[in-house]
């Protein structure tokens, strides 16, 4: 299970502020970090590293654990694209095809776990 740092209440508040356009940098960072924590809970493991610079990174998805150097399975995107993916505003294949997501490695397809927000009560 992921180590939680952001409460559900705070995370959803930050997501709402991003959605309504009132979010500052700190709320954007909180929304990204919260959704990375949510992904790590939905897809526990250490075989994929998801990077949303400069706000956060997590490891997720079952499989071989990465320990040194560049991970074999990496997903990297910007905060705006990440939040669009996790809220369902953009589909994984569309973001990848548009070059908005860099995904390398056989396990780097996150479409099975997206969207993250709204999946569970």
PDB file of N, CA and C in Angstrom:
ATOM      1  N   UNK A   1       0.841  -1.185   0.000  1.00  0.00           N
ATOM      2  CA  UNK A   1       0.000   0.000   0.000  1.00  0.00           C
ATOM      3  C   UNK A   1       0.884   1.246   0.000  1.00  0.00           C
ATOM      4  N   UNK A   2       0.441   2.254  -0.697  1.00  0.00           N
ATOM      5  CA  UNK A   2       1.197   3.505  -0.798  1.00  0.00           C
ATOM      6  C   UNK A   2       1.199   4.233   0.544  1.00  0.00           C
ATOM      7  N   UNK A   3       2.288   4.897   0.820  1.00  0.00           N
ATOM      8  CA  UNK A   3       2.359   5.727   2.017  1.00  0.00           C
ATOM      9  C   UNK A   3       1.615   7.025   1.710  1.00  0.00           C
ATOM     10  N   UNK A   4       0.545   7.254   2.423  1.00  0.00           N
ATOM     11  CA  UNK A   4      -0.307   8.422   2.160  1.00  0.00           C
ATOM     12  C   UNK A   4       0.251   9.656   2.843  1.00  0.00           C
ATOM     13  N   UNK A   5       0.285  10.745   2.109  1.00  0.00           N
ATOM     14  CA  UNK A   5       0.718  12.020   2.659  1.00  0.00           C
ATOM     15  C   UNK A   5      -0.366  13.076   2.544  1.00  0.00           C
ATOM     16  N   UNK A   6      -1.286  12.878   1.625  1.00  0.00           N
ATOM     17  CA  UNK A   6      -2.335  13.860   1.367  1.00  0.00           C
ATOM     18  C   UNK A   6      -3.677  13.208   1.650  1.00  0.00           C
ATOM     19  N   UNK A   7      -4.492  13.863   2.461  1.00  0.00           N
ATOM     20  CA  UNK A   7      -5.808  13.315   2.770  1.00  0.00           C
ATOM     21  C   UNK A   7      -6.705  13.379   1.533  1.00  0.00           C
ATOM     22  N   UNK A   8      -7.707  12.521   1.511  1.00  0.00           N
ATOM     23  CA  UNK A   8      -8.667  12.542   0.410  1.00  0.00           C
ATOM     24  C   UNK A   8      -9.353  13.889   0.296  1.00  0.00           C
ATOM     25  N   UNK A   9      -9.689  14.474   1.428  1.00  0.00           N
ATOM     26  CA  UNK A   9     -10.362  15.771   1.429  1.00  0.00           C
ATOM     27  C   UNK A   9      -9.472  16.844   0.793  1.00  0.00           C
ATOM     28  N   UNK A  10      -8.221  16.900   1.214  1.00  0.00           N
ATOM     29  CA  UNK A  10      -7.306  17.899   0.656  1.00  0.00           C
ATOM     30  C   UNK A  10      -7.038  17.641  -0.826  1.00  0.00           C
ATOM     31  N   UNK A  11      -6.865  16.375  -1.182  1.00  0.00           N
ATOM     32  CA  UNK A  11      -6.601  16.028  -2.580  1.00  0.00           C
ATOM     33  C   UNK A  11      -7.751  16.387  -3.499  1.00  0.00           C
ATOM     34  N   UNK A  12      -8.964  16.076  -3.070  1.00  0.00           N
ATOM     35  CA  UNK A  12     -10.132  16.388  -3.906  1.00  0.00           C
ATOM     36  C   UNK A  12     -10.373  17.901  -3.974  1.00  0.00           C
ATOM     37  N   UNK A  13     -10.073  18.610  -2.904  1.00  0.00           N
ATOM     38  CA  UNK A  13     -10.186  20.070  -2.929  1.00  0.00           C
ATOM     39  C   UNK A  13      -9.210  20.650  -3.946  1.00  0.00           C
ATOM     40  N   UNK A  14      -7.979  20.151  -3.944  1.00  0.00           N
ATOM     41  CA  UNK A  14      -6.977  20.630  -4.915  1.00  0.00           C
ATOM     42  C   UNK A  14      -7.413  20.310  -6.341  1.00  0.00           C
ATOM     43  N   UNK A  15      -7.943  19.109  -6.563  1.00  0.00           N
ATOM     44  CA  UNK A  15      -8.434  18.747  -7.901  1.00  0.00           C
ATOM     45  C   UNK A  15      -9.568  19.668  -8.342  1.00  0.00           C
ATOM     46  N   UNK A  16     -10.464  19.996  -7.413  1.00  0.00           N
ATOM     47  CA  UNK A  16     -11.575  20.905  -7.740  1.00  0.00           C
ATOM     48  C   UNK A  16     -11.047  22.288  -8.099  1.00  0.00           C
ATOM     49  N   UNK A  17     -10.018  22.746  -7.399  1.00  0.00           N
ATOM     50  CA  UNK A  17      -9.445  24.058  -7.701  1.00  0.00           C
ATOM     51  C   UNK A  17      -8.766  24.049  -9.067  1.00  0.00           C
ATOM     52  N   UNK A  18      -8.108  22.961  -9.401  1.00  0.00           N
ATOM     53  CA  UNK A  18      -7.509  22.851 -10.734  1.00  0.00           C
ATOM     54  C   UNK A  18      -8.619  22.893 -11.789  1.00  0.00           C
ATOM     55  N   UNK A  19      -9.685  22.146 -11.546  1.00  0.00           N
ATOM     56  CA  UNK A  19     -10.786  22.063 -12.509  1.00  0.00           C
ATOM     57  C   UNK A  19     -11.470  23.410 -12.718  1.00  0.00           C
ATOM     58  N   UNK A  20     -11.618  24.183 -11.639  1.00  0.00           N
ATOM     59  CA  UNK A  20     -12.325  25.463 -11.807  1.00  0.00           C
ATOM     60  C   UNK A  20     -11.393  26.635 -12.140  1.00  0.00           C
ATOM     61  N   UNK A  21     -10.102  26.348 -12.286  1.00  0.00           N
ATOM     62  CA  UNK A  21      -9.160  27.376 -12.695  1.00  0.00           C
ATOM     63  C   UNK A  21      -8.641  28.265 -11.585  1.00  0.00           C
ATOM     64  N   UNK A  22      -8.957  27.941 -10.330  1.00  0.00           N
ATOM     65  CA  UNK A  22      -8.515  28.796  -9.227  1.00  0.00           C
ATOM     66  C   UNK A  22      -7.257  28.275  -8.532  1.00  0.00           C
ATOM     67  N   UNK A  23      -6.684  27.202  -9.039  1.00  0.00           N
ATOM     68  CA  UNK A  23      -5.513  26.597  -8.396  1.00  0.00           C
ATOM     69  C   UNK A  23      -4.253  27.397  -8.660  1.00  0.00           C
ATOM     70  N   UNK A  24      -3.470  27.564  -7.618  1.00  0.00           N
ATOM     71  CA  UNK A  24      -2.124  28.102  -7.754  1.00  0.00           C
ATOM     72  C   UNK A  24      -1.152  26.935  -7.881  1.00  0.00           C
ATOM     73  N   UNK A  25       0.119  27.250  -7.857  1.00  0.00           N
ATOM     74  CA  UNK A  25       1.147  26.216  -7.993  1.00  0.00           C
ATOM     75  C   UNK A  25       1.060  25.171  -6.876  1.00  0.00           C
ATOM     76  N   UNK A  26       0.802  25.597  -5.640  1.00  0.00           N
ATOM     77  CA  UNK A  26       0.756  24.635  -4.534  1.00  0.00           C
ATOM     78  C   UNK A  26      -0.436  23.682  -4.669  1.00  0.00           C
ATOM     79  N   UNK A  27      -1.568  24.178  -5.133  1.00  0.00           N
ATOM     80  CA  UNK A  27      -2.731  23.303  -5.334  1.00  0.00           C
ATOM     81  C   UNK A  27      -2.503  22.348  -6.502  1.00  0.00           C
ATOM     82  N   UNK A  28      -1.857  22.834  -7.557  1.00  0.00           N
ATOM     83  CA  UNK A  28      -1.520  21.979  -8.685  1.00  0.00           C
ATOM     84  C   UNK A  28      -0.594  20.851  -8.231  1.00  0.00           C
ATOM     85  N   UNK A  29       0.417  21.213  -7.450  1.00  0.00           N
ATOM     86  CA  UNK A  29       1.346  20.208  -6.925  1.00  0.00           C
ATOM     87  C   UNK A  29       0.612  19.197  -6.059  1.00  0.00           C
ATOM     88  N   UNK A  30      -0.286  19.664  -5.203  1.00  0.00           N
ATOM     89  CA  UNK A  30      -1.030  18.758  -4.333  1.00  0.00           C
ATOM     90  C   UNK A  30      -1.919  17.826  -5.156  1.00  0.00           C
ATOM     91  N   UNK A  31      -2.577  18.347  -6.172  1.00  0.00           N
ATOM     92  CA  UNK A  31      -3.436  17.516  -7.018  1.00  0.00           C
ATOM     93  C   UNK A  31      -2.622  16.420  -7.709  1.00  0.00           C
ATOM     94  N   UNK A  32      -1.456  16.778  -8.228  1.00  0.00           N
ATOM     95  CA  UNK A  32      -0.594  15.781  -8.880  1.00  0.00           C
ATOM     96  C   UNK A  32      -0.147  14.732  -7.879  1.00  0.00           C
ATOM     97  N   UNK A  33       0.363  15.153  -6.743  1.00  0.00           N
ATOM     98  CA  UNK A  33       0.862  14.204  -5.735  1.00  0.00           C
ATOM     99  C   UNK A  33      -0.251  13.307  -5.213  1.00  0.00           C
ATOM    100  N   UNK A  34      -1.414  13.882  -4.990  1.00  0.00           N
ATOM    101  CA  UNK A  34      -2.552  13.094  -4.520  1.00  0.00           C
ATOM    102  C   UNK A  34      -2.923  12.012  -5.530  1.00  0.00           C
ATOM    103  N   UNK A  35      -2.974  12.375  -6.805  1.00  0.00           N
ATOM    104  CA  UNK A  35      -3.367  11.384  -7.809  1.00  0.00           C
ATOM    105  C   UNK A  35      -2.270  10.351  -8.041  1.00  0.00           C
ATOM    106  N   UNK A  36      -1.019  10.717  -7.842  1.00  0.00           N
ATOM    107  CA  UNK A  36       0.050   9.709  -7.889  1.00  0.00           C
ATOM    108  C   UNK A  36      -0.101   8.721  -6.734  1.00  0.00           C
ATOM    109  N   UNK A  37      -0.450   9.218  -5.555  1.00  0.00           N
ATOM    110  CA  UNK A  37      -0.710   8.338  -4.411  1.00  0.00           C
ATOM    111  C   UNK A  37      -1.898   7.415  -4.704  1.00  0.00           C
ATOM    112  N   UNK A  38      -2.923   7.969  -5.321  1.00  0.00           N
ATOM    113  CA  UNK A  38      -4.102   7.160  -5.665  1.00  0.00           C
ATOM    114  C   UNK A  38      -3.727   6.054  -6.656  1.00  0.00           C
ATOM    115  N   UNK A  39      -2.928   6.394  -7.665  1.00  0.00           N
ATOM    116  CA  UNK A  39      -2.489   5.395  -8.635  1.00  0.00           C
ATOM    117  C   UNK A  39      -1.694   4.291  -7.953  1.00  0.00           C
ATOM    118  N   UNK A  40      -0.784   4.668  -7.064  1.00  0.00           N
ATOM    119  CA  UNK A  40       0.029   3.670  -6.365  1.00  0.00           C
ATOM    120  C   UNK A  40      -0.831   2.743  -5.512  1.00  0.00           C
ATOM    121  N   UNK A  41      -1.943   3.245  -5.023  1.00  0.00           N
ATOM    122  CA  UNK A  41      -2.857   2.403  -4.249  1.00  0.00           C
ATOM    123  C   UNK A  41      -3.655   1.475  -5.160  1.00  0.00           C
ATOM    124  N   UNK A  42      -4.072   1.976  -6.315  1.00  0.00           N
ATOM    125  CA  UNK A  42      -4.830   1.163  -7.272  1.00  0.00           C
ATOM    126  C   UNK A  42      -3.978   0.085  -7.927  1.00  0.00           C
ATOM    127  N   UNK A  43      -2.721   0.416  -8.191  1.00  0.00           N
ATOM    128  CA  UNK A  43      -1.814  -0.486  -8.917  1.00  0.00           C
ATOM    129  C   UNK A  43      -0.526  -0.662  -8.113  1.00  0.00           C
ATOM    130  N   UNK A  44      -0.613  -1.341  -6.954  1.00  0.00           N
ATOM    131  CA  UNK A  44       0.575  -1.461  -6.113  1.00  0.00           C
ATOM    132  C   UNK A  44       1.680  -2.252  -6.805  1.00  0.00           C
ATOM    133  N   UNK A  45       2.901  -1.863  -6.525  1.00  0.00           N
ATOM    134  CA  UNK A  45       4.050  -2.546  -7.087  1.00  0.00           C
ATOM    135  C   UNK A  45       5.183  -1.576  -7.333  1.00  0.00           C
ATOM    136  N   UNK A  46       6.236  -2.070  -7.975  1.00  0.00           N
ATOM    137  CA  UNK A  46       7.419  -1.249  -8.189  1.00  0.00           C
ATOM    138  C   UNK A  46       8.010  -1.409  -9.579  1.00  0.00           C
ATOM    139  N   UNK A  47       7.234  -1.883 -10.540  1.00  0.00           N
ATOM    140  CA  UNK A  47       7.821  -2.139 -11.855  1.00  0.00           C
ATOM    141  C   UNK A  47       7.725  -0.958 -12.822  1.00  0.00           C
ATOM    142  N   UNK A  48       6.903   0.033 -12.512  1.00  0.00           N
ATOM    143  CA  UNK A  48       6.761   1.213 -13.375  1.00  0.00           C
ATOM    144  C   UNK A  48       6.994   2.456 -12.541  1.00  0.00           C
ATOM    145  N   UNK A  49       7.800   3.360 -13.056  1.00  0.00           N
ATOM    146  CA  UNK A  49       8.006   4.650 -12.405  1.00  0.00           C
ATOM    147  C   UNK A  49       7.235   5.690 -13.192  1.00  0.00           C
ATOM    148  N   UNK A  50       6.360   6.412 -12.508  1.00  0.00           N
ATOM    149  CA  UNK A  50       5.565   7.468 -13.131  1.00  0.00           C
ATOM    150  C   UNK A  50       6.111   8.804 -12.643  1.00  0.00           C
ATOM    151  N   UNK A  51       6.523   9.625 -13.591  1.00  0.00           N
ATOM    152  CA  UNK A  51       7.143  10.915 -13.278  1.00  0.00           C
ATOM    153  C   UNK A  51       6.290  12.052 -13.815  1.00  0.00           C
ATOM    154  N   UNK A  52       6.000  13.015 -12.933  1.00  0.00           N
ATOM    155  CA  UNK A  52       5.281  14.225 -13.327  1.00  0.00           C
ATOM    156  C   UNK A  52       6.107  15.411 -12.798  1.00  0.00           C
ATOM    157  N   UNK A  53       7.195  15.729 -13.522  1.00  0.00           N
ATOM    158  CA  UNK A  53       8.078  16.788 -13.027  1.00  0.00           C
ATOM    159  C   UNK A  53       7.416  18.159 -13.116  1.00  0.00           C
ATOM    160  N   UNK A  54       7.682  19.035 -12.199  1.00  0.00           N
ATOM    161  CA  UNK A  54       8.580  18.882 -11.061  1.00  0.00           C
ATOM    162  C   UNK A  54       7.856  18.467  -9.788  1.00  0.00           C
ATOM    163  N   UNK A  55       6.629  17.980  -9.917  1.00  0.00           N
ATOM    164  CA  UNK A  55       5.778  17.802  -8.745  1.00  0.00           C
ATOM    165  C   UNK A  55       5.842  16.450  -8.051  1.00  0.00           C
ATOM    166  N   UNK A  56       6.088  15.379  -8.773  1.00  0.00           N
ATOM    167  CA  UNK A  56       6.073  14.104  -8.085  1.00  0.00           C
ATOM    168  C   UNK A  56       6.457  12.926  -8.938  1.00  0.00           C
ATOM    169  N   UNK A  57       6.669  11.825  -8.250  1.00  0.00           N
ATOM    170  CA  UNK A  57       7.020  10.554  -8.873  1.00  0.00           C
ATOM    171  C   UNK A  57       6.486   9.439  -7.973  1.00  0.00           C
ATOM    172  N   UNK A  58       6.100   8.337  -8.587  1.00  0.00           N
ATOM    173  CA  UNK A  58       5.698   7.173  -7.804  1.00  0.00           C
ATOM    174  C   UNK A  58       6.100   5.921  -8.550  1.00  0.00           C
ATOM    175  N   UNK A  59       6.160   4.841  -7.825  1.00  0.00           N
ATOM    176  CA  UNK A  59       6.345   3.538  -8.441  1.00  0.00           C
ATOM    177  C   UNK A  59       5.054   2.758  -8.233  1.00  0.00           C
ATOM    178  N   UNK A  60       4.692   1.995  -9.254  1.00  0.00           N
ATOM    179  CA  UNK A  60       3.438   1.258  -9.207  1.00  0.00           C
ATOM    180  C   UNK A  60       3.518   0.049 -10.129  1.00  0.00           C
ATOM    181  N   UNK A  61       2.486  -0.716 -10.208  1.00  0.00           N
ATOM    182  CA  UNK A  61       2.275  -1.878 -11.064  1.00  0.00           C
ATOM    183  C   UNK A  61       3.153  -3.060 -10.616  1.00  0.00           C
ATOM    184  N   UNK A  62       2.478  -4.177 -10.396  1.00  0.00           N
ATOM    185  CA  UNK A  62       3.170  -5.404 -10.004  1.00  0.00           C
ATOM    186  C   UNK A  62       4.156  -5.840 -11.068  1.00  0.00           C
ATOM    187  N   UNK A  63       5.213  -6.466 -10.628  1.00  0.00           N
ATOM    188  CA  UNK A  63       6.218  -6.980 -11.542  1.00  0.00           C
ATOM    189  C   UNK A  63       7.591  -6.870 -10.930  1.00  0.00           C
ATOM    190  N   UNK A  64       8.612  -7.090 -11.732  1.00  0.00           N
ATOM    191  CA  UNK A  64       9.980  -7.046 -11.208  1.00  0.00           C
ATOM    192  C   UNK A  64      10.301  -5.684 -10.604  1.00  0.00           C
ATOM    193  N   UNK A  65      10.922  -5.716  -9.453  1.00  0.00           N
ATOM    194  CA  UNK A  65      11.290  -4.482  -8.761  1.00  0.00           C
ATOM    195  C   UNK A  65      12.562  -3.904  -9.365  1.00  0.00           C
ATOM    196  N   UNK A  66      12.530  -2.605  -9.594  1.00  0.00           N
ATOM    197  CA  UNK A  66      13.695  -1.887 -10.115  1.00  0.00           C
ATOM    198  C   UNK A  66      14.512  -1.364  -8.927  1.00  0.00           C
ATOM    199  N   UNK A  67      15.845  -1.524  -8.970  1.00  0.00           N
ATOM    200  CA  UNK A  67      16.651  -1.069  -7.845  1.00  0.00           C
ATOM    201  C   UNK A  67      17.757  -0.075  -8.196  1.00  0.00           C
ATOM    202  N   UNK A  68      18.322  -0.123  -9.397  1.00  0.00           N
ATOM    203  CA  UNK A  68      19.435   0.776  -9.719  1.00  0.00           C
ATOM    204  C   UNK A  68      19.321   1.298 -11.149  1.00  0.00           C
ATOM    205  N   UNK A  69      19.831   2.524 -11.351  1.00  0.00           N
ATOM    206  CA  UNK A  69      19.860   3.090 -12.696  1.00  0.00           C
ATOM    207  C   UNK A  69      18.480   3.504 -13.185  1.00  0.00           C
ATOM    208  N   UNK A  70      18.363   3.653 -14.475  1.00  0.00           N
ATOM    209  CA  UNK A  70      17.097   4.037 -15.088  1.00  0.00           C
ATOM    210  C   UNK A  70      16.150   2.844 -15.088  1.00  0.00           C
ATOM    211  N   UNK A  71      14.929   3.033 -14.577  1.00  0.00           N
ATOM    212  CA  UNK A  71      13.976   1.927 -14.565  1.00  0.00           C
ATOM    213  C   UNK A  71      13.631   1.472 -15.982  1.00  0.00           C
ATOM    214  N   UNK A  72      13.328   0.185 -16.173  1.00  0.00           N
ATOM    215  CA  UNK A  72      12.986  -0.303 -17.509  1.00  0.00           C
ATOM    216  C   UNK A  72      11.599   0.151 -17.978  1.00  0.00           C
ATOM    217  N   UNK A  73      10.730   0.526 -17.055  1.00  0.00           N
ATOM    218  CA  UNK A  73       9.373   0.953 -17.385  1.00  0.00           C
ATOM    219  C   UNK A  73       9.151   2.340 -16.785  1.00  0.00           C
ATOM    220  N   UNK A  74       9.079   3.344 -17.665  1.00  0.00           N
ATOM    221  CA  UNK A  74       8.957   4.725 -17.203  1.00  0.00           C
ATOM    222  C   UNK A  74       7.835   5.416 -17.970  1.00  0.00           C
ATOM    223  N   UNK A  75       7.042   6.171 -17.223  1.00  0.00           N
ATOM    224  CA  UNK A  75       6.015   7.037 -17.808  1.00  0.00           C
ATOM    225  C   UNK A  75       6.341   8.445 -17.339  1.00  0.00           C
ATOM    226  N   UNK A  76       6.388   9.390 -18.275  1.00  0.00           N
ATOM    227  CA  UNK A  76       6.651  10.771 -17.899  1.00  0.00           C
ATOM    228  C   UNK A  76       5.734  11.693 -18.682  1.00  0.00           C
ATOM    229  N   UNK A  77       5.179  12.674 -17.967  1.00  0.00           N
ATOM    230  CA  UNK A  77       4.296  13.649 -18.594  1.00  0.00           C
ATOM    231  C   UNK A  77       4.268  14.914 -17.751  1.00  0.00           C
ATOM    232  N   UNK A  78       3.666  15.954 -18.279  1.00  0.00           N
ATOM    233  CA  UNK A  78       3.525  17.208 -17.540  1.00  0.00           C
ATOM    234  C   UNK A  78       2.277  17.153 -16.660  1.00  0.00           C
ATOM    235  N   UNK A  79       2.192  18.095 -15.741  1.00  0.00           N
ATOM    236  CA  UNK A  79       1.095  18.103 -14.770  1.00  0.00           C
ATOM    237  C   UNK A  79      -0.277  18.226 -15.429  1.00  0.00           C
ATOM    238  N   UNK A  80      -0.407  19.079 -16.414  1.00  0.00           N
ATOM    239  CA  UNK A  80      -1.701  19.277 -17.068  1.00  0.00           C
ATOM    240  C   UNK A  80      -2.177  17.994 -17.741  1.00  0.00           C
ATOM    241  N   UNK A  81      -1.286  17.344 -18.467  1.00  0.00           N
ATOM    242  CA  UNK A  81      -1.649  16.086 -19.127  1.00  0.00           C
ATOM    243  C   UNK A  81      -1.956  15.014 -18.101  1.00  0.00           C
ATOM    244  N   UNK A  82      -1.142  14.922 -17.049  1.00  0.00           N
ATOM    245  CA  UNK A  82      -1.371  13.916 -16.012  1.00  0.00           C
ATOM    246  C   UNK A  82      -2.760  14.078 -15.405  1.00  0.00           C
ATOM    247  N   UNK A  83      -3.113  15.292 -15.041  1.00  0.00           N
ATOM    248  CA  UNK A  83      -4.418  15.506 -14.417  1.00  0.00           C
ATOM    249  C   UNK A  83      -5.554  15.237 -15.399  1.00  0.00           C
ATOM    250  N   UNK A  84      -5.354  15.516 -16.668  1.00  0.00           N
ATOM    251  CA  UNK A  84      -6.365  15.180 -17.678  1.00  0.00           C
ATOM    252  C   UNK A  84      -6.526  13.665 -17.791  1.00  0.00           C
ATOM    253  N   UNK A  85      -5.423  12.938 -17.711  1.00  0.00           N
ATOM    254  CA  UNK A  85      -5.487  11.468 -17.777  1.00  0.00           C
ATOM    255  C   UNK A  85      -6.199  10.884 -16.561  1.00  0.00           C
ATOM    256  N   UNK A  86      -5.817  11.333 -15.368  1.00  0.00           N
ATOM    257  CA  UNK A  86      -6.367  10.720 -14.159  1.00  0.00           C
ATOM    258  C   UNK A  86      -7.808  11.100 -13.895  1.00  0.00           C
ATOM    259  N   UNK A  87      -8.281  12.177 -14.516  1.00  0.00           N
ATOM    260  CA  UNK A  87      -9.686  12.561 -14.353  1.00  0.00           C
ATOM    261  C   UNK A  87     -10.557  12.065 -15.501  1.00  0.00           C
ATOM    262  N   UNK A  88      -9.929  11.481 -16.513  1.00  0.00           N
ATOM    263  CA  UNK A  88     -10.699  10.959 -17.638  1.00  0.00           C
ATOM    264  C   UNK A  88     -10.972  11.975 -18.728  1.00  0.00           C
ATOM    265  N   UNK A  89     -10.396  13.167 -18.625  1.00  0.00           N
ATOM    266  CA  UNK A  89     -10.610  14.183 -19.656  1.00  0.00           C
ATOM    267  C   UNK A  89      -9.882  13.828 -20.950  1.00  0.00           C
ATOM    268  N   UNK A  90      -8.820  13.041 -20.837  1.00  0.00           N
ATOM    269  CA  UNK A  90      -8.041  12.592 -21.994  1.00  0.00           C
ATOM    270  C   UNK A  90      -7.800  11.096 -21.839  1.00  0.00           C
ATOM    271  N   UNK A  91      -7.911  10.358 -22.920  1.00  0.00           N
ATOM    272  CA  UNK A  91      -7.662   8.916 -22.899  1.00  0.00           C
ATOM    273  C   UNK A  91      -6.177   8.640 -23.094  1.00  0.00           C
ATOM    274  N   UNK A  92      -5.680   7.591 -22.459  1.00  0.00           N
ATOM    275  CA  UNK A  92      -4.279   7.203 -22.547  1.00  0.00           C
ATOM    276  C   UNK A  92      -3.775   7.112 -23.992  1.00  0.00           C
ATOM    277  N   UNK A  93      -4.460   6.361 -24.873  1.00  0.00           N
ATOM    278  CA  UNK A  93      -3.931   6.240 -26.241  1.00  0.00           C
ATOM    279  C   UNK A  93      -3.832   7.585 -26.959  1.00  0.00           C
ATOM    280  N   UNK A  94      -4.773   8.475 -26.693  1.00  0.00           N
ATOM    281  CA  UNK A  94      -4.761   9.786 -27.330  1.00  0.00           C
ATOM    282  C   UNK A  94      -3.576  10.625 -26.842  1.00  0.00           C
ATOM    283  N   UNK A  95      -3.311  10.592 -25.533  1.00  0.00           N
ATOM    284  CA  UNK A  95      -2.194  11.360 -24.978  1.00  0.00           C
ATOM    285  C   UNK A  95      -0.862  10.826 -25.486  1.00  0.00           C
ATOM    286  N   UNK A  96      -0.733   9.500 -25.577  1.00  0.00           N
ATOM    287  CA  UNK A  96       0.499   8.900 -26.084  1.00  0.00           C
ATOM    288  C   UNK A  96       0.678   9.249 -27.558  1.00  0.00           C
ATOM    289  N   UNK A  97      -0.383   9.105 -28.347  1.00  0.00           N
ATOM    290  CA  UNK A  97      -0.309   9.395 -29.786  1.00  0.00           C
ATOM    291  C   UNK A  97       0.030  10.865 -30.052  1.00  0.00           C
ATOM    292  N   UNK A  98      -0.435  11.758 -29.180  1.00  0.00           N
ATOM    293  CA  UNK A  98      -0.174  13.188 -29.344  1.00  0.00           C
ATOM    294  C   UNK A  98       1.213  13.588 -28.843  1.00  0.00           C
ATOM    295  N   UNK A  99       1.951  12.620 -28.290  1.00  0.00           N
ATOM    296  CA  UNK A  99       3.272  12.921 -27.782  1.00  0.00           C
ATOM    297  C   UNK A  99       3.269  13.627 -26.441  1.00  0.00           C
ATOM    298  N   UNK A 100       2.147  13.608 -25.747  1.00  0.00           N
ATOM    299  CA  UNK A 100       2.030  14.260 -24.443  1.00  0.00           C
ATOM    300  C   UNK A 100       2.541  13.371 -23.310  1.00  0.00           C
ATOM    301  N   UNK A 101       2.696  12.072 -23.587  1.00  0.00           N
ATOM    302  CA  UNK A 101       3.175  11.106 -22.604  1.00  0.00           C
ATOM    303  C   UNK A 101       4.329  10.339 -23.227  1.00  0.00           C
ATOM    304  N   UNK A 102       5.430  10.255 -22.492  1.00  0.00           N
ATOM    305  CA  UNK A 102       6.537   9.386 -22.894  1.00  0.00           C
ATOM    306  C   UNK A 102       6.408   8.118 -22.056  1.00  0.00           C
ATOM    307  N   UNK A 103       6.206   6.988 -22.721  1.00  0.00           N
ATOM    308  CA  UNK A 103       6.036   5.712 -22.017  1.00  0.00           C
ATOM    309  C   UNK A 103       6.979   4.698 -22.638  1.00  0.00           C
ATOM    310  N   UNK A 104       7.885   4.167 -21.812  1.00  0.00           N
ATOM    311  CA  UNK A 104       8.828   3.179 -22.319  1.00  0.00           C
ATOM    312  C   UNK A 104       8.785   1.944 -21.433  1.00  0.00           C
ATOM    313  N   UNK A 105       8.909   0.792 -22.067  1.00  0.00           N
ATOM    314  CA  UNK A 105       8.891  -0.464 -21.334  1.00  0.00           C
ATOM    315  C   UNK A 105       7.592  -1.204 -21.537  1.00  0.00           C
ATOM    316  N   UNK A 106       7.653  -2.499 -21.391  1.00  0.00           N
ATOM    317  CA  UNK A 106       6.500  -3.364 -21.628  1.00  0.00           C
ATOM    318  C   UNK A 106       5.356  -3.211 -20.643  1.00  0.00           C
ATOM    319  N   UNK A 107       5.619  -2.660 -19.479  1.00  0.00           N
ATOM    320  CA  UNK A 107       4.569  -2.484 -18.462  1.00  0.00           C
ATOM    321  C   UNK A 107       4.106  -1.038 -18.335  1.00  0.00           C
ATOM    322  N   UNK A 108       4.574  -0.161 -19.205  1.00  0.00           N
ATOM    323  CA  UNK A 108       4.343   1.276 -19.049  1.00  0.00           C
ATOM    324  C   UNK A 108       2.979   1.760 -19.541  1.00  0.00           C
ATOM    325  N   UNK A 109       2.121   0.875 -19.980  1.00  0.00           N
ATOM    326  CA  UNK A 109       0.773   1.272 -20.397  1.00  0.00           C
ATOM    327  C   UNK A 109      -0.132   1.328 -19.167  1.00  0.00           C
ATOM    328  N   UNK A 110      -0.545   2.519 -18.782  1.00  0.00           N
ATOM    329  CA  UNK A 110      -1.363   2.701 -17.578  1.00  0.00           C
ATOM    330  C   UNK A 110      -2.860   2.708 -17.849  1.00  0.00           C
ATOM    331  N   UNK A 111      -3.265   2.421 -19.069  1.00  0.00           N
ATOM    332  CA  UNK A 111      -4.682   2.549 -19.428  1.00  0.00           C
ATOM    333  C   UNK A 111      -5.605   1.691 -18.564  1.00  0.00           C
ATOM    334  N   UNK A 112      -5.123   0.584 -18.028  1.00  0.00           N
ATOM    335  CA  UNK A 112      -5.968  -0.278 -17.181  1.00  0.00           C
ATOM    336  C   UNK A 112      -6.338   0.395 -15.858  1.00  0.00           C
ATOM    337  N   UNK A 113      -5.579   1.414 -15.450  1.00  0.00           N
ATOM    338  CA  UNK A 113      -5.820   2.065 -14.158  1.00  0.00           C
ATOM    339  C   UNK A 113      -6.328   3.487 -14.299  1.00  0.00           C
ATOM    340  N   UNK A 114      -6.589   3.907 -15.512  1.00  0.00           N
ATOM    341  CA  UNK A 114      -7.076   5.269 -15.740  1.00  0.00           C
ATOM    342  C   UNK A 114      -8.524   5.257 -16.192  1.00  0.00           C
ATOM    343  N   UNK A 115      -9.315   6.248 -15.839  1.00  0.00           N
ATOM    344  CA  UNK A 115      -8.967   7.348 -14.940  1.00  0.00           C
ATOM    345  C   UNK A 115      -8.853   6.859 -13.496  1.00  0.00           C
ATOM    346  N   UNK A 116      -8.131   7.608 -12.693  1.00  0.00           N
ATOM    347  CA  UNK A 116      -7.937   7.292 -11.268  1.00  0.00           C
ATOM    348  C   UNK A 116      -9.064   7.893 -10.447  1.00  0.00           C
ATOM    349  N   UNK A 117      -9.382   9.141 -10.705  1.00  0.00           N
ATOM    350  CA  UNK A 117     -10.404   9.862  -9.938  1.00  0.00           C
ATOM    351  C   UNK A 117     -11.785   9.407 -10.382  1.00  0.00           C
ATOM    352  N   UNK A 118     -12.636   9.111  -9.410  1.00  0.00           N
ATOM    353  CA  UNK A 118     -13.995   8.704  -9.721  1.00  0.00           C
ATOM    354  C   UNK A 118     -14.175   7.201  -9.885  1.00  0.00           C
ATOM    355  N   UNK A 119     -13.113   6.437  -9.760  1.00  0.00           N
ATOM    356  CA  UNK A 119     -13.212   4.977  -9.864  1.00  0.00           C
ATOM    357  C   UNK A 119     -13.903   4.370  -8.662  1.00  0.00           C
ATOM    358  N   UNK A 120     -13.571   4.924  -7.503  1.00  0.00           N
ATOM    359  CA  UNK A 120     -14.064   4.372  -6.234  1.00  0.00           C
ATOM    360  C   UNK A 120     -14.816   5.446  -5.469  1.00  0.00           C
ATOM    361  N   UNK A 121     -15.727   5.024  -4.612  1.00  0.00           N
ATOM    362  CA  UNK A 121     -16.428   6.030  -3.799  1.00  0.00           C
ATOM    363  C   UNK A 121     -15.506   6.710  -2.804  1.00  0.00           C
TER     364      UNK A 121
END
